[in-house]
Amino acid sequence: YNGHRVVYTAPSINGITVSASYTPTQSQSNIESGSRTANNFSDTNHQETIEVGASWSGEFEGLTVTASVGSKNGNGIAAWPDGNDLSVLSGVIQLSQGDWTIGYMVYENGDSYGQSTDSTKAASSGWGTAATYDIGNITVGAGYVYQEAVNGETYNTSTGDDSPSQVRSSNVTMIGIAYALGGGVNTYVQLSDYDNND
């Protein structure tokens, strides 16, 4: 993001924190001069976005829990009157006990980057999970991320792809090991395996 934004964060109560923000446009000053690229288009698809998020941190049944949910909604721009409004939902949870930490995240973009006149709607969603275990100065971890998308009619036509309804998916499997050298210096090695189905 590279534009103007108003953010309000309420005081934390019982470990619960709520924040909200309003972004008039998604460019530096106005939509027409925006240099931000969204979904392979040369301009921005949404404006007047409102983001709301809530998080909670605390103890539950011997676990340290941090959970967050968020939404982002915005209007289309005048230059693209048939573009769908922005509607994004996401959630994250992290559980820790002793040397173990496990996390999970999920997001749903729906047809935010499609057009209302599309007979085949755009779609985008995904999820990921990861776990780490600390052994002294050494941390080992593994993770998996999966996402899938449907181009929809308008975006598929603009990119010249072969099918607006084909579900295109990708996943990444990761394993790694890190070592804390001390003095704030860390080093790590990670192996990632990418699998794309398009």
N, C-alpha and C. Protein backbone atom coordinates (compact mmCIF):
# COMPACT_ATOMS: atom_id res chain seq x y z
N TYR A 1 0.84 -1.20 0.00
CA TYR A 1 0.00 0.00 0.00
C TYR A 1 0.87 1.24 0.00
N ASN A 2 0.46 2.29 -0.80
CA ASN A 2 1.29 3.49 -0.87
C ASN A 2 0.45 4.77 -0.86
N GLY A 3 -0.70 4.74 -0.22
CA GLY A 3 -1.55 5.92 -0.21
C GLY A 3 -1.82 6.44 1.18
N HIS A 4 -2.87 7.23 1.34
CA HIS A 4 -3.25 7.82 2.61
C HIS A 4 -4.22 6.89 3.33
N ARG A 5 -4.13 6.87 4.67
CA ARG A 5 -4.98 5.98 5.44
C ARG A 5 -5.19 6.55 6.84
N VAL A 6 -6.40 6.37 7.34
CA VAL A 6 -6.73 6.74 8.71
C VAL A 6 -6.94 5.46 9.50
N VAL A 7 -6.22 5.32 10.63
CA VAL A 7 -6.27 4.09 11.42
C VAL A 7 -6.64 4.43 12.86
N TYR A 8 -7.54 3.64 13.44
CA TYR A 8 -7.89 3.78 14.85
C TYR A 8 -7.77 2.42 15.52
N THR A 9 -7.07 2.37 16.64
CA THR A 9 -6.95 1.15 17.44
C THR A 9 -7.48 1.44 18.83
N ALA A 10 -8.49 0.68 19.23
CA ALA A 10 -9.11 0.87 20.54
C ALA A 10 -8.21 0.30 21.64
N PRO A 11 -8.33 0.80 22.85
CA PRO A 11 -7.56 0.23 23.96
C PRO A 11 -7.87 -1.26 24.13
N SER A 12 -6.85 -2.02 24.46
CA SER A 12 -7.03 -3.45 24.66
C SER A 12 -7.81 -3.72 25.94
N ILE A 13 -8.81 -4.60 25.86
CA ILE A 13 -9.64 -4.96 27.01
C ILE A 13 -9.66 -6.47 27.12
N ASN A 14 -9.19 -6.98 28.26
CA ASN A 14 -9.16 -8.43 28.48
C ASN A 14 -8.47 -9.19 27.37
N GLY A 15 -7.40 -8.61 26.85
CA GLY A 15 -6.63 -9.26 25.80
C GLY A 15 -7.19 -9.08 24.41
N ILE A 16 -8.31 -8.37 24.28
CA ILE A 16 -8.95 -8.15 22.97
C ILE A 16 -8.59 -6.76 22.44
N THR A 17 -8.10 -6.71 21.21
CA THR A 17 -7.75 -5.46 20.56
C THR A 17 -8.51 -5.35 19.25
N VAL A 18 -9.14 -4.21 19.02
CA VAL A 18 -9.90 -3.98 17.79
C VAL A 18 -9.32 -2.76 17.07
N SER A 19 -9.11 -2.91 15.77
CA SER A 19 -8.59 -1.80 14.96
C SER A 19 -9.47 -1.64 13.72
N ALA A 20 -9.50 -0.41 13.22
CA ALA A 20 -10.23 -0.12 11.99
C ALA A 20 -9.47 0.93 11.21
N SER A 21 -9.59 0.86 9.88
CA SER A 21 -8.93 1.86 9.05
C SER A 21 -9.81 2.20 7.85
N TYR A 22 -9.60 3.40 7.34
CA TYR A 22 -10.30 3.85 6.15
C TYR A 22 -9.27 4.39 5.16
N THR A 23 -9.34 3.91 3.92
CA THR A 23 -8.42 4.33 2.87
C THR A 23 -9.24 4.95 1.74
N PRO A 24 -9.14 6.26 1.50
CA PRO A 24 -9.92 6.89 0.44
C PRO A 24 -9.65 6.29 -0.93
N THR A 25 -8.36 6.11 -1.26
CA THR A 25 -7.98 5.48 -2.53
C THR A 25 -6.83 4.53 -2.26
N GLN A 26 -6.49 3.74 -3.26
CA GLN A 26 -5.39 2.80 -3.13
C GLN A 26 -4.17 3.28 -3.90
N SER A 27 -4.11 4.56 -4.22
CA SER A 27 -2.95 5.11 -4.92
C SER A 27 -2.35 6.22 -4.07
N GLN A 28 -1.32 6.88 -4.59
CA GLN A 28 -0.62 7.89 -3.79
C GLN A 28 -1.50 9.10 -3.50
N SER A 29 -2.28 9.52 -4.46
CA SER A 29 -3.14 10.69 -4.23
C SER A 29 -4.53 10.50 -4.80
N ASN A 30 -4.62 9.85 -5.93
CA ASN A 30 -5.93 9.56 -6.50
C ASN A 30 -5.83 8.35 -7.40
N ILE A 31 -6.96 7.82 -7.79
CA ILE A 31 -6.99 6.58 -8.56
C ILE A 31 -6.26 6.73 -9.89
N GLU A 32 -6.45 7.89 -10.56
CA GLU A 32 -5.89 8.03 -11.89
C GLU A 32 -4.36 8.02 -11.89
N SER A 33 -3.74 8.51 -10.81
CA SER A 33 -2.28 8.59 -10.81
C SER A 33 -1.63 7.39 -10.13
N GLY A 34 -2.43 6.40 -9.79
CA GLY A 34 -1.89 5.27 -9.04
C GLY A 34 -0.90 4.45 -9.86
N SER A 35 0.17 4.05 -9.22
CA SER A 35 1.15 3.19 -9.88
C SER A 35 1.08 1.77 -9.35
N ARG A 36 0.16 1.51 -8.42
CA ARG A 36 0.04 0.19 -7.81
C ARG A 36 -0.60 -0.77 -8.80
N THR A 37 -0.07 -1.97 -8.90
CA THR A 37 -0.61 -2.97 -9.81
C THR A 37 -1.40 -3.99 -9.02
N ALA A 38 -2.63 -4.20 -9.42
CA ALA A 38 -3.48 -5.18 -8.75
C ALA A 38 -3.98 -6.19 -9.76
N ASN A 39 -3.73 -7.47 -9.49
CA ASN A 39 -4.27 -8.53 -10.33
C ASN A 39 -3.84 -8.39 -11.79
N ASN A 40 -2.61 -7.92 -11.99
CA ASN A 40 -2.02 -7.78 -13.33
C ASN A 40 -2.64 -6.66 -14.15
N PHE A 41 -3.45 -5.80 -13.54
CA PHE A 41 -3.93 -4.63 -14.25
C PHE A 41 -3.01 -3.47 -13.92
N SER A 42 -2.95 -2.47 -14.83
CA SER A 42 -2.00 -1.37 -14.63
C SER A 42 -2.52 -0.33 -13.65
N ASP A 43 -3.76 -0.44 -13.22
CA ASP A 43 -4.27 0.51 -12.25
C ASP A 43 -4.92 -0.25 -11.10
N THR A 44 -5.55 0.48 -10.20
CA THR A 44 -6.14 -0.11 -9.02
C THR A 44 -7.61 -0.43 -9.26
N ASN A 45 -8.10 -1.53 -8.67
CA ASN A 45 -9.46 -1.96 -8.90
C ASN A 45 -10.46 -1.47 -7.86
N HIS A 46 -9.98 -1.00 -6.71
CA HIS A 46 -10.89 -0.64 -5.63
C HIS A 46 -10.46 0.65 -4.94
N GLN A 47 -11.42 1.29 -4.29
CA GLN A 47 -11.15 2.50 -3.52
C GLN A 47 -12.10 2.54 -2.33
N GLU A 48 -11.92 3.56 -1.49
CA GLU A 48 -12.78 3.74 -0.31
C GLU A 48 -12.89 2.45 0.50
N THR A 49 -11.74 1.91 0.84
CA THR A 49 -11.71 0.63 1.55
C THR A 49 -11.76 0.82 3.06
N ILE A 50 -12.51 -0.05 3.70
CA ILE A 50 -12.61 -0.07 5.16
C ILE A 50 -12.11 -1.42 5.64
N GLU A 51 -11.15 -1.39 6.56
CA GLU A 51 -10.61 -2.61 7.14
C GLU A 51 -10.93 -2.65 8.63
N VAL A 52 -11.39 -3.81 9.09
CA VAL A 52 -11.69 -3.99 10.50
C VAL A 52 -11.05 -5.30 10.95
N GLY A 53 -10.35 -5.26 12.06
CA GLY A 53 -9.70 -6.47 12.57
C GLY A 53 -9.80 -6.54 14.08
N ALA A 54 -9.82 -7.74 14.59
CA ALA A 54 -9.86 -7.96 16.04
C ALA A 54 -8.91 -9.10 16.38
N SER A 55 -8.23 -8.99 17.50
CA SER A 55 -7.31 -10.04 17.94
C SER A 55 -7.48 -10.27 19.43
N TRP A 56 -7.16 -11.48 19.85
CA TRP A 56 -7.22 -11.84 21.27
C TRP A 56 -6.00 -12.67 21.62
N SER A 57 -5.39 -12.34 22.73
CA SER A 57 -4.26 -13.11 23.24
C SER A 57 -4.52 -13.45 24.69
N GLY A 58 -4.27 -14.71 25.05
CA GLY A 58 -4.49 -15.12 26.42
C GLY A 58 -4.13 -16.57 26.64
N GLU A 59 -4.47 -17.06 27.80
CA GLU A 59 -4.22 -18.45 28.18
C GLU A 59 -5.52 -19.22 28.16
N PHE A 60 -5.45 -20.46 27.64
CA PHE A 60 -6.64 -21.30 27.60
C PHE A 60 -6.21 -22.76 27.72
N GLU A 61 -6.64 -23.42 28.79
CA GLU A 61 -6.33 -24.83 29.01
C GLU A 61 -4.83 -25.11 28.90
N GLY A 62 -4.02 -24.20 29.47
CA GLY A 62 -2.57 -24.40 29.46
C GLY A 62 -1.88 -23.98 28.18
N LEU A 63 -2.64 -23.48 27.21
CA LEU A 63 -2.08 -23.03 25.95
C LEU A 63 -2.04 -21.51 25.90
N THR A 64 -1.00 -20.97 25.28
CA THR A 64 -0.98 -19.54 24.95
C THR A 64 -1.60 -19.38 23.57
N VAL A 65 -2.68 -18.63 23.51
CA VAL A 65 -3.46 -18.53 22.27
C VAL A 65 -3.46 -17.09 21.77
N THR A 66 -3.23 -16.93 20.48
CA THR A 66 -3.40 -15.66 19.80
C THR A 66 -4.28 -15.91 18.57
N ALA A 67 -5.40 -15.21 18.51
CA ALA A 67 -6.33 -15.40 17.39
C ALA A 67 -6.72 -14.05 16.82
N SER A 68 -6.83 -13.97 15.51
CA SER A 68 -7.19 -12.72 14.85
C SER A 68 -8.15 -12.99 13.70
N VAL A 69 -9.08 -12.07 13.49
CA VAL A 69 -9.97 -12.11 12.33
C VAL A 69 -9.99 -10.72 11.72
N GLY A 70 -10.20 -10.66 10.42
CA GLY A 70 -10.22 -9.36 9.77
C GLY A 70 -11.06 -9.37 8.51
N SER A 71 -11.52 -8.21 8.15
CA SER A 71 -12.27 -8.05 6.90
C SER A 71 -11.83 -6.77 6.21
N LYS A 72 -11.93 -6.78 4.90
CA LYS A 72 -11.58 -5.61 4.10
C LYS A 72 -12.64 -5.46 3.02
N ASN A 73 -13.28 -4.30 2.99
CA ASN A 73 -14.34 -4.05 2.02
C ASN A 73 -14.11 -2.72 1.35
N GLY A 74 -14.41 -2.66 0.06
CA GLY A 74 -14.20 -1.42 -0.68
C GLY A 74 -15.10 -1.34 -1.90
N ASN A 75 -15.23 -0.14 -2.43
CA ASN A 75 -16.04 0.10 -3.61
C ASN A 75 -15.20 0.00 -4.86
N GLY A 76 -15.88 -0.20 -5.97
CA GLY A 76 -15.20 -0.18 -7.26
C GLY A 76 -14.84 1.25 -7.65
N ILE A 77 -14.15 1.40 -8.75
CA ILE A 77 -13.75 2.73 -9.22
C ILE A 77 -14.60 3.12 -10.43
N ALA A 78 -14.72 4.44 -10.66
CA ALA A 78 -15.57 4.93 -11.74
C ALA A 78 -15.09 4.44 -13.11
N ALA A 79 -13.78 4.25 -13.24
CA ALA A 79 -13.23 3.80 -14.52
C ALA A 79 -13.62 2.36 -14.84
N TRP A 80 -14.09 1.63 -13.84
CA TRP A 80 -14.50 0.24 -14.05
C TRP A 80 -15.84 0.03 -13.35
N PRO A 81 -16.92 0.57 -13.93
CA PRO A 81 -18.23 0.58 -13.26
C PRO A 81 -18.80 -0.81 -13.01
N ASP A 82 -18.39 -1.80 -13.79
CA ASP A 82 -18.91 -3.15 -13.61
C ASP A 82 -18.05 -4.01 -12.69
N GLY A 83 -16.94 -3.44 -12.19
CA GLY A 83 -16.08 -4.20 -11.30
C GLY A 83 -16.75 -4.51 -9.97
N ASN A 84 -16.51 -5.69 -9.46
CA ASN A 84 -17.10 -6.07 -8.19
C ASN A 84 -16.48 -5.30 -7.03
N ASP A 85 -17.27 -5.10 -5.99
CA ASP A 85 -16.73 -4.49 -4.78
C ASP A 85 -15.74 -5.44 -4.12
N LEU A 86 -14.84 -4.85 -3.34
CA LEU A 86 -13.84 -5.63 -2.62
C LEU A 86 -14.46 -6.23 -1.37
N SER A 87 -14.26 -7.52 -1.17
CA SER A 87 -14.77 -8.20 0.02
C SER A 87 -13.82 -9.33 0.38
N VAL A 88 -13.02 -9.11 1.43
CA VAL A 88 -12.00 -10.07 1.83
C VAL A 88 -12.19 -10.43 3.30
N LEU A 89 -12.10 -11.71 3.62
CA LEU A 89 -12.14 -12.19 5.00
C LEU A 89 -10.89 -13.00 5.27
N SER A 90 -10.35 -12.88 6.47
CA SER A 90 -9.17 -13.65 6.83
C SER A 90 -9.18 -13.95 8.32
N GLY A 91 -8.45 -15.00 8.67
CA GLY A 91 -8.36 -15.38 10.07
C GLY A 91 -7.06 -16.10 10.36
N VAL A 92 -6.54 -15.93 11.56
CA VAL A 92 -5.28 -16.54 11.98
C VAL A 92 -5.42 -17.00 13.42
N ILE A 93 -4.86 -18.16 13.73
CA ILE A 93 -4.79 -18.61 15.12
C ILE A 93 -3.42 -19.23 15.36
N GLN A 94 -2.85 -18.95 16.53
CA GLN A 94 -1.55 -19.50 16.91
C GLN A 94 -1.65 -20.06 18.32
N LEU A 95 -1.18 -21.29 18.48
CA LEU A 95 -1.18 -21.97 19.76
C LEU A 95 0.24 -22.29 20.17
N SER A 96 0.58 -21.99 21.42
CA SER A 96 1.93 -22.27 21.91
C SER A 96 1.85 -22.98 23.26
N GLN A 97 2.71 -23.94 23.43
CA GLN A 97 2.84 -24.62 24.72
C GLN A 97 4.27 -25.14 24.85
N GLY A 98 4.98 -24.65 25.87
CA GLY A 98 6.36 -25.06 26.01
C GLY A 98 7.18 -24.65 24.80
N ASP A 99 7.84 -25.62 24.19
CA ASP A 99 8.69 -25.34 23.03
C ASP A 99 7.97 -25.44 21.70
N TRP A 100 6.67 -25.78 21.75
CA TRP A 100 5.89 -25.96 20.52
C TRP A 100 5.10 -24.70 20.17
N THR A 101 5.03 -24.39 18.88
CA THR A 101 4.15 -23.34 18.37
C THR A 101 3.52 -23.84 17.08
N ILE A 102 2.19 -23.74 17.01
CA ILE A 102 1.45 -24.19 15.82
C ILE A 102 0.55 -23.04 15.37
N GLY A 103 0.48 -22.82 14.07
CA GLY A 103 -0.36 -21.75 13.54
C GLY A 103 -1.17 -22.19 12.34
N TYR A 104 -2.28 -21.50 12.13
CA TYR A 104 -3.15 -21.78 10.98
C TYR A 104 -3.74 -20.45 10.50
N MET A 105 -3.82 -20.26 9.18
CA MET A 105 -4.44 -19.07 8.61
C MET A 105 -5.31 -19.44 7.43
N VAL A 106 -6.31 -18.60 7.17
CA VAL A 106 -7.22 -18.84 6.05
C VAL A 106 -7.68 -17.48 5.51
N TYR A 107 -7.89 -17.39 4.19
CA TYR A 107 -8.42 -16.16 3.61
C TYR A 107 -9.40 -16.48 2.50
N GLU A 108 -10.29 -15.56 2.23
CA GLU A 108 -11.29 -15.72 1.17
C GLU A 108 -11.51 -14.37 0.51
N ASN A 109 -11.13 -14.29 -0.78
CA ASN A 109 -11.31 -13.06 -1.55
C ASN A 109 -12.61 -13.04 -2.33
N GLY A 110 -13.26 -14.19 -2.45
CA GLY A 110 -14.48 -14.25 -3.24
C GLY A 110 -14.25 -13.81 -4.67
N ASP A 111 -15.19 -13.03 -5.21
CA ASP A 111 -15.06 -12.56 -6.60
C ASP A 111 -14.67 -11.09 -6.63
N SER A 112 -13.88 -10.65 -5.65
CA SER A 112 -13.51 -9.23 -5.54
C SER A 112 -12.83 -8.69 -6.79
N TYR A 113 -12.09 -9.54 -7.49
CA TYR A 113 -11.35 -9.07 -8.66
C TYR A 113 -12.01 -9.49 -9.96
N GLY A 114 -13.32 -9.71 -9.90
CA GLY A 114 -14.08 -10.02 -11.10
C GLY A 114 -14.99 -8.87 -11.50
N GLN A 115 -15.89 -9.16 -12.41
CA GLN A 115 -16.82 -8.16 -12.93
C GLN A 115 -18.23 -8.66 -12.73
N SER A 116 -19.15 -7.75 -12.40
CA SER A 116 -20.52 -8.15 -12.09
C SER A 116 -21.23 -8.79 -13.27
N THR A 117 -20.77 -8.50 -14.50
CA THR A 117 -21.41 -9.06 -15.69
C THR A 117 -20.85 -10.42 -16.08
N ASP A 118 -19.85 -10.91 -15.35
CA ASP A 118 -19.23 -12.20 -15.69
C ASP A 118 -20.24 -13.34 -15.52
N SER A 119 -20.32 -14.18 -16.54
CA SER A 119 -21.13 -15.40 -16.39
C SER A 119 -20.38 -16.43 -15.56
N THR A 120 -19.04 -16.42 -15.66
CA THR A 120 -18.19 -17.25 -14.80
C THR A 120 -17.47 -16.32 -13.83
N LYS A 121 -17.76 -16.47 -12.55
CA LYS A 121 -17.25 -15.55 -11.54
C LYS A 121 -15.80 -15.86 -11.18
N ALA A 122 -15.04 -14.81 -10.86
CA ALA A 122 -13.69 -14.98 -10.34
C ALA A 122 -13.77 -15.47 -8.90
N ALA A 123 -12.70 -16.10 -8.43
CA ALA A 123 -12.65 -16.59 -7.05
C ALA A 123 -11.21 -16.73 -6.62
N SER A 124 -10.97 -16.56 -5.33
CA SER A 124 -9.63 -16.71 -4.79
C SER A 124 -9.73 -17.01 -3.30
N SER A 125 -9.03 -18.07 -2.86
CA SER A 125 -9.04 -18.42 -1.45
C SER A 125 -7.80 -19.26 -1.15
N GLY A 126 -7.51 -19.41 0.13
CA GLY A 126 -6.36 -20.22 0.50
C GLY A 126 -6.24 -20.41 1.99
N TRP A 127 -5.33 -21.28 2.38
CA TRP A 127 -5.08 -21.53 3.79
C TRP A 127 -3.64 -22.01 3.96
N GLY A 128 -3.15 -21.94 5.19
CA GLY A 128 -1.80 -22.40 5.46
C GLY A 128 -1.65 -22.78 6.91
N THR A 129 -0.70 -23.64 7.19
CA THR A 129 -0.43 -24.06 8.56
C THR A 129 1.07 -24.28 8.73
N ALA A 130 1.56 -24.08 9.93
CA ALA A 130 2.98 -24.25 10.21
C ALA A 130 3.18 -24.60 11.67
N ALA A 131 4.29 -25.26 11.96
CA ALA A 131 4.62 -25.63 13.33
C ALA A 131 6.12 -25.50 13.53
N THR A 132 6.52 -25.07 14.73
CA THR A 132 7.94 -24.99 15.07
C THR A 132 8.17 -25.62 16.44
N TYR A 133 9.42 -26.07 16.63
CA TYR A 133 9.80 -26.66 17.92
C TYR A 133 11.20 -26.16 18.27
N ASP A 134 11.33 -25.63 19.47
CA ASP A 134 12.60 -25.06 19.91
C ASP A 134 13.40 -26.10 20.71
N ILE A 135 14.67 -26.23 20.35
CA ILE A 135 15.59 -27.11 21.08
C ILE A 135 16.81 -26.26 21.43
N GLY A 136 16.75 -25.58 22.56
CA GLY A 136 17.84 -24.66 22.90
C GLY A 136 17.92 -23.54 21.89
N ASN A 137 19.10 -23.37 21.29
CA ASN A 137 19.29 -22.33 20.28
C ASN A 137 18.81 -22.74 18.89
N ILE A 138 18.32 -23.95 18.77
CA ILE A 138 17.89 -24.48 17.47
C ILE A 138 16.36 -24.51 17.40
N THR A 139 15.84 -24.10 16.27
CA THR A 139 14.40 -24.18 15.99
C THR A 139 14.19 -24.95 14.70
N VAL A 140 13.36 -25.98 14.76
CA VAL A 140 13.00 -26.72 13.55
C VAL A 140 11.54 -26.44 13.24
N GLY A 141 11.20 -26.42 11.97
CA GLY A 141 9.82 -26.11 11.60
C GLY A 141 9.42 -26.71 10.28
N ALA A 142 8.11 -26.75 10.08
CA ALA A 142 7.54 -27.24 8.83
C ALA A 142 6.24 -26.49 8.58
N GLY A 143 5.90 -26.33 7.30
CA GLY A 143 4.68 -25.62 6.97
C GLY A 143 4.13 -26.05 5.63
N TYR A 144 2.86 -25.71 5.42
CA TYR A 144 2.19 -26.04 4.16
C TYR A 144 1.21 -24.92 3.84
N VAL A 145 1.21 -24.46 2.59
CA VAL A 145 0.31 -23.40 2.14
C VAL A 145 -0.39 -23.86 0.87
N TYR A 146 -1.70 -23.63 0.82
CA TYR A 146 -2.48 -24.00 -0.37
C TYR A 146 -3.36 -22.82 -0.77
N GLN A 147 -3.40 -22.53 -2.06
CA GLN A 147 -4.31 -21.51 -2.55
C GLN A 147 -4.86 -21.91 -3.91
N GLU A 148 -6.06 -21.44 -4.18
CA GLU A 148 -6.66 -21.73 -5.48
C GLU A 148 -7.42 -20.51 -5.97
N ALA A 149 -7.56 -20.42 -7.29
CA ALA A 149 -8.21 -19.27 -7.89
C ALA A 149 -8.88 -19.67 -9.18
N VAL A 150 -9.96 -18.96 -9.48
CA VAL A 150 -10.65 -19.07 -10.76
C VAL A 150 -10.57 -17.71 -11.43
N ASN A 151 -10.13 -17.67 -12.67
CA ASN A 151 -9.92 -16.39 -13.34
C ASN A 151 -11.20 -15.57 -13.47
N GLY A 152 -12.30 -16.23 -13.80
CA GLY A 152 -13.49 -15.49 -14.16
C GLY A 152 -13.39 -15.01 -15.60
N GLU A 153 -14.50 -14.60 -16.14
CA GLU A 153 -14.58 -14.29 -17.56
C GLU A 153 -13.73 -13.08 -17.96
N THR A 154 -13.84 -11.97 -17.23
CA THR A 154 -13.16 -10.74 -17.62
C THR A 154 -11.65 -10.87 -17.53
N TYR A 155 -11.15 -11.34 -16.38
CA TYR A 155 -9.71 -11.46 -16.21
C TYR A 155 -9.13 -12.49 -17.17
N ASN A 156 -9.85 -13.57 -17.40
CA ASN A 156 -9.36 -14.60 -18.32
C ASN A 156 -9.22 -14.04 -19.73
N THR A 157 -10.17 -13.22 -20.15
CA THR A 157 -10.11 -12.61 -21.49
C THR A 157 -8.93 -11.65 -21.59
N SER A 158 -8.69 -10.87 -20.53
CA SER A 158 -7.62 -9.87 -20.57
C SER A 158 -6.23 -10.51 -20.62
N THR A 159 -6.09 -11.70 -20.05
CA THR A 159 -4.78 -12.36 -20.02
C THR A 159 -4.62 -13.39 -21.13
N GLY A 160 -5.70 -13.69 -21.84
CA GLY A 160 -5.62 -14.65 -22.93
C GLY A 160 -5.46 -16.09 -22.48
N ASP A 161 -5.88 -16.40 -21.24
CA ASP A 161 -5.81 -17.78 -20.76
C ASP A 161 -6.88 -18.63 -21.41
N ASP A 162 -6.77 -19.95 -21.17
CA ASP A 162 -7.59 -20.88 -21.94
C ASP A 162 -8.95 -21.18 -21.32
N SER A 163 -9.16 -20.87 -20.02
CA SER A 163 -10.42 -21.24 -19.39
C SER A 163 -10.76 -20.32 -18.24
N PRO A 164 -11.93 -19.65 -18.29
CA PRO A 164 -12.31 -18.77 -17.19
C PRO A 164 -12.79 -19.52 -15.95
N SER A 165 -13.14 -20.81 -16.11
CA SER A 165 -13.71 -21.56 -14.99
C SER A 165 -12.76 -22.58 -14.37
N GLN A 166 -11.59 -22.79 -14.99
CA GLN A 166 -10.65 -23.77 -14.46
C GLN A 166 -10.13 -23.32 -13.10
N VAL A 167 -10.12 -24.25 -12.14
CA VAL A 167 -9.57 -23.96 -10.83
C VAL A 167 -8.05 -24.13 -10.89
N ARG A 168 -7.35 -23.04 -10.70
CA ARG A 168 -5.89 -23.05 -10.72
C ARG A 168 -5.40 -23.05 -9.28
N SER A 169 -4.61 -24.03 -8.94
CA SER A 169 -4.18 -24.17 -7.55
C SER A 169 -2.67 -24.24 -7.46
N SER A 170 -2.18 -23.90 -6.29
CA SER A 170 -0.75 -24.03 -6.01
C SER A 170 -0.58 -24.34 -4.54
N ASN A 171 0.48 -25.06 -4.23
CA ASN A 171 0.78 -25.34 -2.84
C ASN A 171 2.29 -25.34 -2.63
N VAL A 172 2.67 -25.03 -1.41
CA VAL A 172 4.08 -24.98 -1.04
C VAL A 172 4.27 -25.77 0.25
N THR A 173 5.21 -26.71 0.23
CA THR A 173 5.58 -27.45 1.43
C THR A 173 6.97 -26.99 1.86
N MET A 174 7.12 -26.65 3.13
CA MET A 174 8.38 -26.07 3.62
C MET A 174 8.87 -26.80 4.86
N ILE A 175 10.16 -27.01 4.93
CA ILE A 175 10.81 -27.49 6.14
C ILE A 175 12.07 -26.65 6.35
N GLY A 176 12.42 -26.42 7.60
CA GLY A 176 13.58 -25.59 7.82
C GLY A 176 14.16 -25.76 9.21
N ILE A 177 15.34 -25.24 9.39
CA ILE A 177 16.01 -25.27 10.68
C ILE A 177 16.74 -23.93 10.85
N ALA A 178 16.63 -23.38 12.07
CA ALA A 178 17.27 -22.10 12.36
C ALA A 178 18.15 -22.23 13.59
N TYR A 179 19.17 -21.38 13.66
CA TYR A 179 20.09 -21.42 14.79
C TYR A 179 20.37 -19.99 15.25
N ALA A 180 20.17 -19.74 16.55
CA ALA A 180 20.44 -18.43 17.11
C ALA A 180 21.89 -18.36 17.54
N LEU A 181 22.66 -17.54 16.85
CA LEU A 181 24.08 -17.42 17.13
C LEU A 181 24.37 -16.57 18.36
N GLY A 182 23.38 -15.74 18.74
CA GLY A 182 23.58 -14.84 19.86
C GLY A 182 23.78 -13.42 19.39
N GLY A 183 23.54 -12.48 20.29
CA GLY A 183 23.71 -11.07 19.94
C GLY A 183 22.74 -10.60 18.89
N GLY A 184 21.57 -11.26 18.80
CA GLY A 184 20.58 -10.88 17.80
C GLY A 184 20.86 -11.39 16.42
N VAL A 185 21.84 -12.26 16.25
CA VAL A 185 22.20 -12.81 14.94
C VAL A 185 21.64 -14.22 14.83
N ASN A 186 20.89 -14.47 13.76
CA ASN A 186 20.31 -15.78 13.51
C ASN A 186 20.66 -16.24 12.10
N THR A 187 20.67 -17.54 11.92
CA THR A 187 20.86 -18.10 10.58
C THR A 187 19.89 -19.25 10.40
N TYR A 188 19.50 -19.51 9.15
CA TYR A 188 18.55 -20.60 8.91
C TYR A 188 18.73 -21.17 7.52
N VAL A 189 18.24 -22.38 7.36
CA VAL A 189 18.19 -23.05 6.06
C VAL A 189 16.77 -23.55 5.87
N GLN A 190 16.21 -23.29 4.70
CA GLN A 190 14.83 -23.72 4.42
C GLN A 190 14.75 -24.38 3.04
N LEU A 191 14.01 -25.46 2.98
CA LEU A 191 13.72 -26.15 1.72
C LEU A 191 12.24 -26.01 1.43
N SER A 192 11.92 -25.49 0.23
CA SER A 192 10.53 -25.28 -0.17
C SER A 192 10.25 -26.03 -1.46
N ASP A 193 9.14 -26.72 -1.49
CA ASP A 193 8.71 -27.45 -2.68
C ASP A 193 7.43 -26.84 -3.22
N TYR A 194 7.47 -26.30 -4.44
CA TYR A 194 6.32 -25.64 -5.04
C TYR A 194 5.65 -26.58 -6.05
N ASP A 195 4.33 -26.59 -6.02
CA ASP A 195 3.55 -27.38 -6.96
C ASP A 195 2.43 -26.54 -7.50
N ASN A 196 2.47 -26.23 -8.80
CA ASN A 196 1.45 -25.40 -9.44
C ASN A 196 0.61 -26.25 -10.39
N ASN A 197 -0.69 -26.05 -10.33
CA ASN A 197 -1.61 -26.73 -11.23
C ASN A 197 -2.44 -25.68 -11.94
N ASP A 198 -1.99 -25.31 -13.16
CA ASP A 198 -2.71 -24.28 -13.90
C ASP A 198 -3.01 -24.72 -15.32
